[in-house]
Amino acid sequence: MPDDVLAGKVIAAIGGGDDYHRAVAVTVAEAGASVALATFNSLPQQEFAVNSIANEVWAVGREHFADVIEASDPDQMGDFAQKTWGELGPCNCLVVISSLPTPSSDSPVEEKRAFAGRHRTPLLAAQAFGQLMRQQGVGVVIFVAPERDPADEKALNAALSAHLGAGGPRIKVVGRDAPGPEEAASRVFTVLSAEEVS
């Protein structure tokens, strides 16, 4: 993405601090955006990783902040959305980067965690940010899933529409099953280039 193509934009990136989270956050910063970062869970390793990403965003010279949250908690997600608007301005795009592998079909625990990562967390994030995006009349929500499943996109958008009603953002699902983080990040920007983020 060309330098400064996202100048003046605000991008929120929620994830576990892995290479995919880093690739998305740093690339949008290099393209000119301010970046709000948050963890999936309040685990020490995620806090360390997300703060490391924040340091890279700082090195690029962009406005940013990093929060340690439990992304599956509606109150914490709502607070993160409000903080994004309060500190950086109206958010143009929310990116939720799943850190979960494709679950094993014979592991109920993995299935439960995968459901939270594939549905609950991105939906809560989209609801919290979507309410504010609807008020400003613009906004994009992108979910970077373990792989792109059209059923995920359909289910998430149906649930989001039921919550927000008409006029809210739609969720676009992008697979992270690319050869690497940079390729997955480029898929995010393919969506951004096709959507209205001004």
C-alpha atoms as a PDB file:
ATOM      1  CA  MET A   1       0.000   0.000   0.000  1.00  0.00           C
ATOM      2  CA  PRO A   2       1.453   3.417  -0.951  1.00  0.00           C
ATOM      3  CA  ASP A   3       2.769   5.713   1.770  1.00  0.00           C
ATOM      4  CA  ASP A   4       0.162   8.005   3.335  1.00  0.00           C
ATOM      5  CA  VAL A   5      -2.804   6.452   1.514  1.00  0.00           C
ATOM      6  CA  LEU A   6      -4.372   6.045   4.973  1.00  0.00           C
ATOM      7  CA  ALA A   7      -3.239   9.434   6.284  1.00  0.00           C
ATOM      8  CA  GLY A   8      -5.838  10.836   8.653  1.00  0.00           C
ATOM      9  CA  LYS A   9      -7.526   7.445   9.115  1.00  0.00           C
ATOM     10  CA  VAL A  10      -7.907   5.492  12.357  1.00  0.00           C
ATOM     11  CA  ILE A  11      -7.562   1.709  12.324  1.00  0.00           C
ATOM     12  CA  ALA A  12      -8.234  -0.510  15.349  1.00  0.00           C
ATOM     13  CA  ALA A  13      -6.496  -3.895  15.385  1.00  0.00           C
ATOM     14  CA  ILE A  14      -7.456  -6.553  17.935  1.00  0.00           C
ATOM     15  CA  GLY A  15      -5.419  -9.751  18.174  1.00  0.00           C
ATOM     16  CA  GLY A  16      -3.050 -11.906  20.148  1.00  0.00           C
ATOM     17  CA  GLY A  17       0.122 -10.070  19.185  1.00  0.00           C
ATOM     18  CA  ASP A  18       1.244 -12.697  16.683  1.00  0.00           C
ATOM     19  CA  ASP A  19       2.936 -12.068  13.333  1.00  0.00           C
ATOM     20  CA  TYR A  20      -0.415 -11.518  11.601  1.00  0.00           C
ATOM     21  CA  HIS A  21      -1.471  -8.899  14.165  1.00  0.00           C
ATOM     22  CA  ARG A  22       1.923  -7.230  13.754  1.00  0.00           C
ATOM     23  CA  ALA A  23       1.803  -7.277   9.949  1.00  0.00           C
ATOM     24  CA  VAL A  24      -1.622  -5.621   9.809  1.00  0.00           C
ATOM     25  CA  ALA A  25      -0.848  -2.978  12.447  1.00  0.00           C
ATOM     26  CA  VAL A  26       2.567  -1.992  11.122  1.00  0.00           C
ATOM     27  CA  THR A  27       1.443  -1.902   7.504  1.00  0.00           C
ATOM     28  CA  VAL A  28      -1.496   0.416   8.179  1.00  0.00           C
ATOM     29  CA  ALA A  29       0.804   2.622  10.261  1.00  0.00           C
ATOM     30  CA  GLU A  30       3.315   2.771   7.419  1.00  0.00           C
ATOM     31  CA  ALA A  31       0.427   3.761   5.144  1.00  0.00           C
ATOM     32  CA  GLY A  32      -0.335   6.746   7.387  1.00  0.00           C
ATOM     33  CA  ALA A  33      -3.035   5.540   9.792  1.00  0.00           C
ATOM     34  CA  SER A  34      -3.272   6.054  13.534  1.00  0.00           C
ATOM     35  CA  VAL A  35      -3.581   2.685  15.273  1.00  0.00           C
ATOM     36  CA  ALA A  36      -5.529   1.478  18.315  1.00  0.00           C
ATOM     37  CA  LEU A  37      -4.223  -1.895  19.504  1.00  0.00           C
ATOM     38  CA  ALA A  38      -5.828  -4.404  21.852  1.00  0.00           C
ATOM     39  CA  THR A  39      -5.223  -7.969  22.968  1.00  0.00           C
ATOM     40  CA  PHE A  40      -7.599 -10.908  22.720  1.00  0.00           C
ATOM     41  CA  ASN A  41      -6.867 -11.921  26.312  1.00  0.00           C
ATOM     42  CA  SER A  42      -5.255 -10.322  29.360  1.00  0.00           C
ATOM     43  CA  LEU A  43      -2.333 -12.743  29.284  1.00  0.00           C
ATOM     44  CA  PRO A  44       1.231 -11.547  30.000  1.00  0.00           C
ATOM     45  CA  GLN A  45       2.559 -12.875  26.702  1.00  0.00           C
ATOM     46  CA  GLN A  46      -0.145 -11.035  24.751  1.00  0.00           C
ATOM     47  CA  GLU A  47       0.509  -7.834  26.697  1.00  0.00           C
ATOM     48  CA  PHE A  48       4.224  -8.085  25.888  1.00  0.00           C
ATOM     49  CA  ALA A  49       3.599  -8.872  22.217  1.00  0.00           C
ATOM     50  CA  VAL A  50       1.057  -6.089  21.674  1.00  0.00           C
ATOM     51  CA  ASN A  51       3.292  -3.542  23.419  1.00  0.00           C
ATOM     52  CA  SER A  52       6.088  -4.647  21.090  1.00  0.00           C
ATOM     53  CA  ILE A  53       3.814  -3.938  18.118  1.00  0.00           C
ATOM     54  CA  ALA A  54       2.982  -0.550  19.657  1.00  0.00           C
ATOM     55  CA  ASN A  55       6.707   0.245  19.756  1.00  0.00           C
ATOM     56  CA  GLU A  56       6.931  -0.459  16.027  1.00  0.00           C
ATOM     57  CA  VAL A  57       3.966   1.823  15.349  1.00  0.00           C
ATOM     58  CA  TRP A  58       5.637   4.503  17.491  1.00  0.00           C
ATOM     59  CA  ALA A  59       8.850   4.092  15.457  1.00  0.00           C
ATOM     60  CA  VAL A  60       6.865   4.831  12.292  1.00  0.00           C
ATOM     61  CA  GLY A  61       5.692   8.043  13.948  1.00  0.00           C
ATOM     62  CA  ARG A  62       1.957   7.372  14.136  1.00  0.00           C
ATOM     63  CA  GLU A  63      -0.468   8.173  16.921  1.00  0.00           C
ATOM     64  CA  HIS A  64      -1.434   5.016  18.758  1.00  0.00           C
ATOM     65  CA  PHE A  65      -2.255   3.319  22.037  1.00  0.00           C
ATOM     66  CA  ALA A  66      -2.294  -0.288  23.249  1.00  0.00           C
ATOM     67  CA  ASP A  67      -4.795  -1.816  25.681  1.00  0.00           C
ATOM     68  CA  VAL A  68      -4.783  -5.185  27.414  1.00  0.00           C
ATOM     69  CA  ILE A  69      -8.357  -6.474  27.378  1.00  0.00           C
ATOM     70  CA  GLU A  70     -10.448  -9.620  27.443  1.00  0.00           C
ATOM     71  CA  ALA A  71     -11.945  -9.177  23.997  1.00  0.00           C
ATOM     72  CA  SER A  72     -14.827 -11.540  24.773  1.00  0.00           C
ATOM     73  CA  ASP A  73     -16.021  -9.190  27.558  1.00  0.00           C
ATOM     74  CA  PRO A  74     -18.639  -6.764  26.180  1.00  0.00           C
ATOM     75  CA  ASP A  75     -17.834  -4.046  28.733  1.00  0.00           C
ATOM     76  CA  GLN A  76     -14.098  -4.129  28.025  1.00  0.00           C
ATOM     77  CA  MET A  77     -14.736  -4.136  24.285  1.00  0.00           C
ATOM     78  CA  GLY A  78     -17.092  -1.179  24.637  1.00  0.00           C
ATOM     79  CA  ASP A  79     -14.499   0.714  26.669  1.00  0.00           C
ATOM     80  CA  PHE A  80     -11.864   0.015  24.008  1.00  0.00           C
ATOM     81  CA  ALA A  81     -14.150   1.364  21.281  1.00  0.00           C
ATOM     82  CA  GLN A  82     -14.912   4.516  23.289  1.00  0.00           C
ATOM     83  CA  LYS A  83     -11.202   5.026  23.996  1.00  0.00           C
ATOM     84  CA  THR A  84     -10.405   4.701  20.290  1.00  0.00           C
ATOM     85  CA  TRP A  85     -12.851   7.495  19.422  1.00  0.00           C
ATOM     86  CA  GLY A  86     -11.752   9.581  22.413  1.00  0.00           C
ATOM     87  CA  GLU A  87      -7.989   9.383  21.891  1.00  0.00           C
ATOM     88  CA  LEU A  88      -7.548   8.948  18.135  1.00  0.00           C
ATOM     89  CA  GLY A  89     -10.826  10.098  16.603  1.00  0.00           C
ATOM     90  CA  PRO A  90     -13.555   8.294  14.648  1.00  0.00           C
ATOM     91  CA  CYS A  91     -12.466   4.791  13.676  1.00  0.00           C
ATOM     92  CA  ASN A  92     -12.553   4.088   9.947  1.00  0.00           C
ATOM     93  CA  CYS A  93     -11.774   0.377  10.111  1.00  0.00           C
ATOM     94  CA  LEU A  94     -11.768  -2.338  12.768  1.00  0.00           C
ATOM     95  CA  VAL A  95      -9.630  -5.421  12.106  1.00  0.00           C
ATOM     96  CA  VAL A  96     -10.033  -8.489  14.338  1.00  0.00           C
ATOM     97  CA  ILE A  97      -7.164 -10.944  13.813  1.00  0.00           C
ATOM     98  CA  SER A  98      -7.867 -14.469  15.025  1.00  0.00           C
ATOM     99  CA  SER A  99      -4.913 -16.186  16.673  1.00  0.00           C
ATOM    100  CA  LEU A 100      -6.672 -19.538  16.780  1.00  0.00           C
ATOM    101  CA  PRO A 101      -5.791 -22.517  14.582  1.00  0.00           C
ATOM    102  CA  THR A 102      -8.462 -24.514  12.827  1.00  0.00           C
ATOM    103  CA  PRO A 103      -9.924 -26.694  15.605  1.00  0.00           C
ATOM    104  CA  SER A 104      -9.737 -30.452  15.839  1.00  0.00           C
ATOM    105  CA  SER A 105     -13.181 -31.955  15.357  1.00  0.00           C
ATOM    106  CA  ASP A 106     -12.628 -34.405  18.228  1.00  0.00           C
ATOM    107  CA  SER A 107     -11.696 -31.758  20.810  1.00  0.00           C
ATOM    108  CA  PRO A 108     -14.690 -30.044  22.484  1.00  0.00           C
ATOM    109  CA  VAL A 109     -12.392 -27.566  24.254  1.00  0.00           C
ATOM    110  CA  GLU A 110     -10.793 -26.508  20.980  1.00  0.00           C
ATOM    111  CA  GLU A 111     -14.214 -26.289  19.351  1.00  0.00           C
ATOM    112  CA  LYS A 112     -15.412 -23.952  22.118  1.00  0.00           C
ATOM    113  CA  ARG A 113     -12.321 -21.739  21.854  1.00  0.00           C
ATOM    114  CA  ALA A 114     -12.626 -21.706  18.080  1.00  0.00           C
ATOM    115  CA  PHE A 115     -16.268 -20.632  18.277  1.00  0.00           C
ATOM    116  CA  ALA A 116     -15.300 -17.717  20.537  1.00  0.00           C
ATOM    117  CA  GLY A 117     -12.538 -16.689  18.144  1.00  0.00           C
ATOM    118  CA  ARG A 118     -14.578 -17.195  14.995  1.00  0.00           C
ATOM    119  CA  HIS A 119     -17.875 -15.727  16.151  1.00  0.00           C
ATOM    120  CA  ARG A 120     -18.225 -14.268  19.639  1.00  0.00           C
ATOM    121  CA  THR A 121     -15.152 -12.023  19.759  1.00  0.00           C
ATOM    122  CA  PRO A 122     -15.426 -10.521  16.256  1.00  0.00           C
ATOM    123  CA  LEU A 123     -19.165 -10.081  16.737  1.00  0.00           C
ATOM    124  CA  LEU A 124     -18.755  -8.286  20.077  1.00  0.00           C
ATOM    125  CA  ALA A 125     -16.099  -6.071  18.524  1.00  0.00           C
ATOM    126  CA  ALA A 126     -18.283  -5.338  15.501  1.00  0.00           C
ATOM    127  CA  GLN A 127     -21.235  -4.498  17.749  1.00  0.00           C
ATOM    128  CA  ALA A 128     -19.228  -2.102  19.930  1.00  0.00           C
ATOM    129  CA  PHE A 129     -17.474  -0.367  17.038  1.00  0.00           C
ATOM    130  CA  GLY A 130     -20.450  -0.700  14.696  1.00  0.00           C
ATOM    131  CA  GLN A 131     -22.703   1.423  16.890  1.00  0.00           C
ATOM    132  CA  LEU A 132     -20.215   4.282  16.723  1.00  0.00           C
ATOM    133  CA  MET A 133     -19.462   3.721  13.037  1.00  0.00           C
ATOM    134  CA  ARG A 134     -23.168   3.898  12.225  1.00  0.00           C
ATOM    135  CA  GLN A 135     -23.362   7.292  13.960  1.00  0.00           C
ATOM    136  CA  GLN A 136     -20.518   8.630  11.810  1.00  0.00           C
ATOM    137  CA  GLY A 137     -21.992   7.057   8.677  1.00  0.00           C
ATOM    138  CA  VAL A 138     -18.911   5.133   7.576  1.00  0.00           C
ATOM    139  CA  GLY A 139     -16.763   2.241   8.690  1.00  0.00           C
ATOM    140  CA  VAL A 140     -15.436  -1.180   7.748  1.00  0.00           C
ATOM    141  CA  VAL A 141     -15.069  -4.305   9.915  1.00  0.00           C
ATOM    142  CA  ILE A 142     -12.630  -6.996   8.774  1.00  0.00           C
ATOM    143  CA  PHE A 143     -12.254 -10.376  10.476  1.00  0.00           C
ATOM    144  CA  VAL A 144      -9.007 -12.211   9.700  1.00  0.00           C
ATOM    145  CA  ALA A 145     -10.089 -15.811  10.330  1.00  0.00           C
ATOM    146  CA  PRO A 146      -8.012 -19.023  10.270  1.00  0.00           C
ATOM    147  CA  GLU A 147      -9.396 -19.503   6.773  1.00  0.00           C
ATOM    148  CA  ARG A 148     -12.065 -17.744   4.767  1.00  0.00           C
ATOM    149  CA  ASP A 149     -15.428 -19.438   5.233  1.00  0.00           C
ATOM    150  CA  PRO A 150     -18.395 -17.734   3.502  1.00  0.00           C
ATOM    151  CA  ALA A 151     -20.651 -19.245   6.176  1.00  0.00           C
ATOM    152  CA  ASP A 152     -18.776 -17.228   8.825  1.00  0.00           C
ATOM    153  CA  GLU A 153     -19.358 -13.989   6.933  1.00  0.00           C
ATOM    154  CA  LYS A 154     -23.050 -14.745   6.472  1.00  0.00           C
ATOM    155  CA  ALA A 155     -23.596 -15.745  10.120  1.00  0.00           C
ATOM    156  CA  LEU A 156     -21.679 -12.778  11.530  1.00  0.00           C
ATOM    157  CA  ASN A 157     -23.481 -10.240   9.345  1.00  0.00           C
ATOM    158  CA  ALA A 158     -26.887 -11.695  10.161  1.00  0.00           C
ATOM    159  CA  ALA A 159     -26.142 -11.408  13.881  1.00  0.00           C
ATOM    160  CA  LEU A 160     -24.703  -7.895  13.508  1.00  0.00           C
ATOM    161  CA  SER A 161     -27.709  -6.685  11.517  1.00  0.00           C
ATOM    162  CA  ALA A 162     -30.054  -8.110  14.148  1.00  0.00           C
ATOM    163  CA  HIS A 163     -28.164  -6.125  16.796  1.00  0.00           C
ATOM    164  CA  LEU A 164     -27.592  -2.828  14.968  1.00  0.00           C
ATOM    165  CA  GLY A 165     -30.437  -2.735  12.492  1.00  0.00           C
ATOM    166  CA  ALA A 166     -30.027  -1.029   9.134  1.00  0.00           C
ATOM    167  CA  GLY A 167     -27.195   1.351   8.383  1.00  0.00           C
ATOM    168  CA  GLY A 168     -24.388  -0.352  10.274  1.00  0.00           C
ATOM    169  CA  PRO A 169     -21.120  -1.663   8.831  1.00  0.00           C
ATOM    170  CA  ARG A 170     -20.786  -5.092   7.278  1.00  0.00           C
ATOM    171  CA  ILE A 171     -18.203  -7.646   8.344  1.00  0.00           C
ATOM    172  CA  LYS A 172     -15.780  -8.854   5.692  1.00  0.00           C
ATOM    173  CA  VAL A 173     -14.026 -12.159   6.403  1.00  0.00           C
ATOM    174  CA  VAL A 174     -10.456 -12.568   5.159  1.00  0.00           C
ATOM    175  CA  GLY A 175      -8.529 -15.823   5.520  1.00  0.00           C
ATOM    176  CA  ARG A 176      -5.147 -15.869   7.203  1.00  0.00           C
ATOM    177  CA  ASP A 177      -4.422 -19.098   5.315  1.00  0.00           C
ATOM    178  CA  ALA A 178      -2.075 -17.138   3.047  1.00  0.00           C
ATOM    179  CA  PRO A 179       1.601 -18.121   2.665  1.00  0.00           C
ATOM    180  CA  GLY A 180       2.509 -15.714   5.454  1.00  0.00           C
ATOM    181  CA  PRO A 181       1.519 -12.684   7.543  1.00  0.00           C
ATOM    182  CA  GLU A 182       2.433 -10.137   4.884  1.00  0.00           C
ATOM    183  CA  GLU A 183       0.234 -11.895   2.330  1.00  0.00           C
ATOM    184  CA  ALA A 184      -2.627 -12.021   4.834  1.00  0.00           C
ATOM    185  CA  ALA A 185      -2.140  -8.296   5.493  1.00  0.00           C
ATOM    186  CA  SER A 186      -2.298  -7.644   1.753  1.00  0.00           C
ATOM    187  CA  ARG A 187      -5.689  -9.381   1.699  1.00  0.00           C
ATOM    188  CA  VAL A 188      -6.867  -6.924   4.336  1.00  0.00           C
ATOM    189  CA  PHE A 189      -5.816  -4.030   2.124  1.00  0.00           C
ATOM    190  CA  THR A 190      -7.551  -5.531  -0.871  1.00  0.00           C
ATOM    191  CA  VAL A 191     -10.740  -5.228   1.157  1.00  0.00           C
ATOM    192  CA  LEU A 192      -9.813  -1.733   2.367  1.00  0.00           C
ATOM    193  CA  SER A 193      -9.189  -0.558  -1.186  1.00  0.00           C
ATOM    194  CA  ALA A 194     -12.630  -1.783  -2.226  1.00  0.00           C
ATOM    195  CA  GLU A 195     -14.481  -0.260   0.733  1.00  0.00           C
ATOM    196  CA  GLU A 196     -15.248   3.300   1.823  1.00  0.00           C
ATOM    197  CA  VAL A 197     -12.987   4.206   4.749  1.00  0.00           C
ATOM    198  CA  SER A 198     -13.089   7.981   4.477  1.00  0.00           C
END
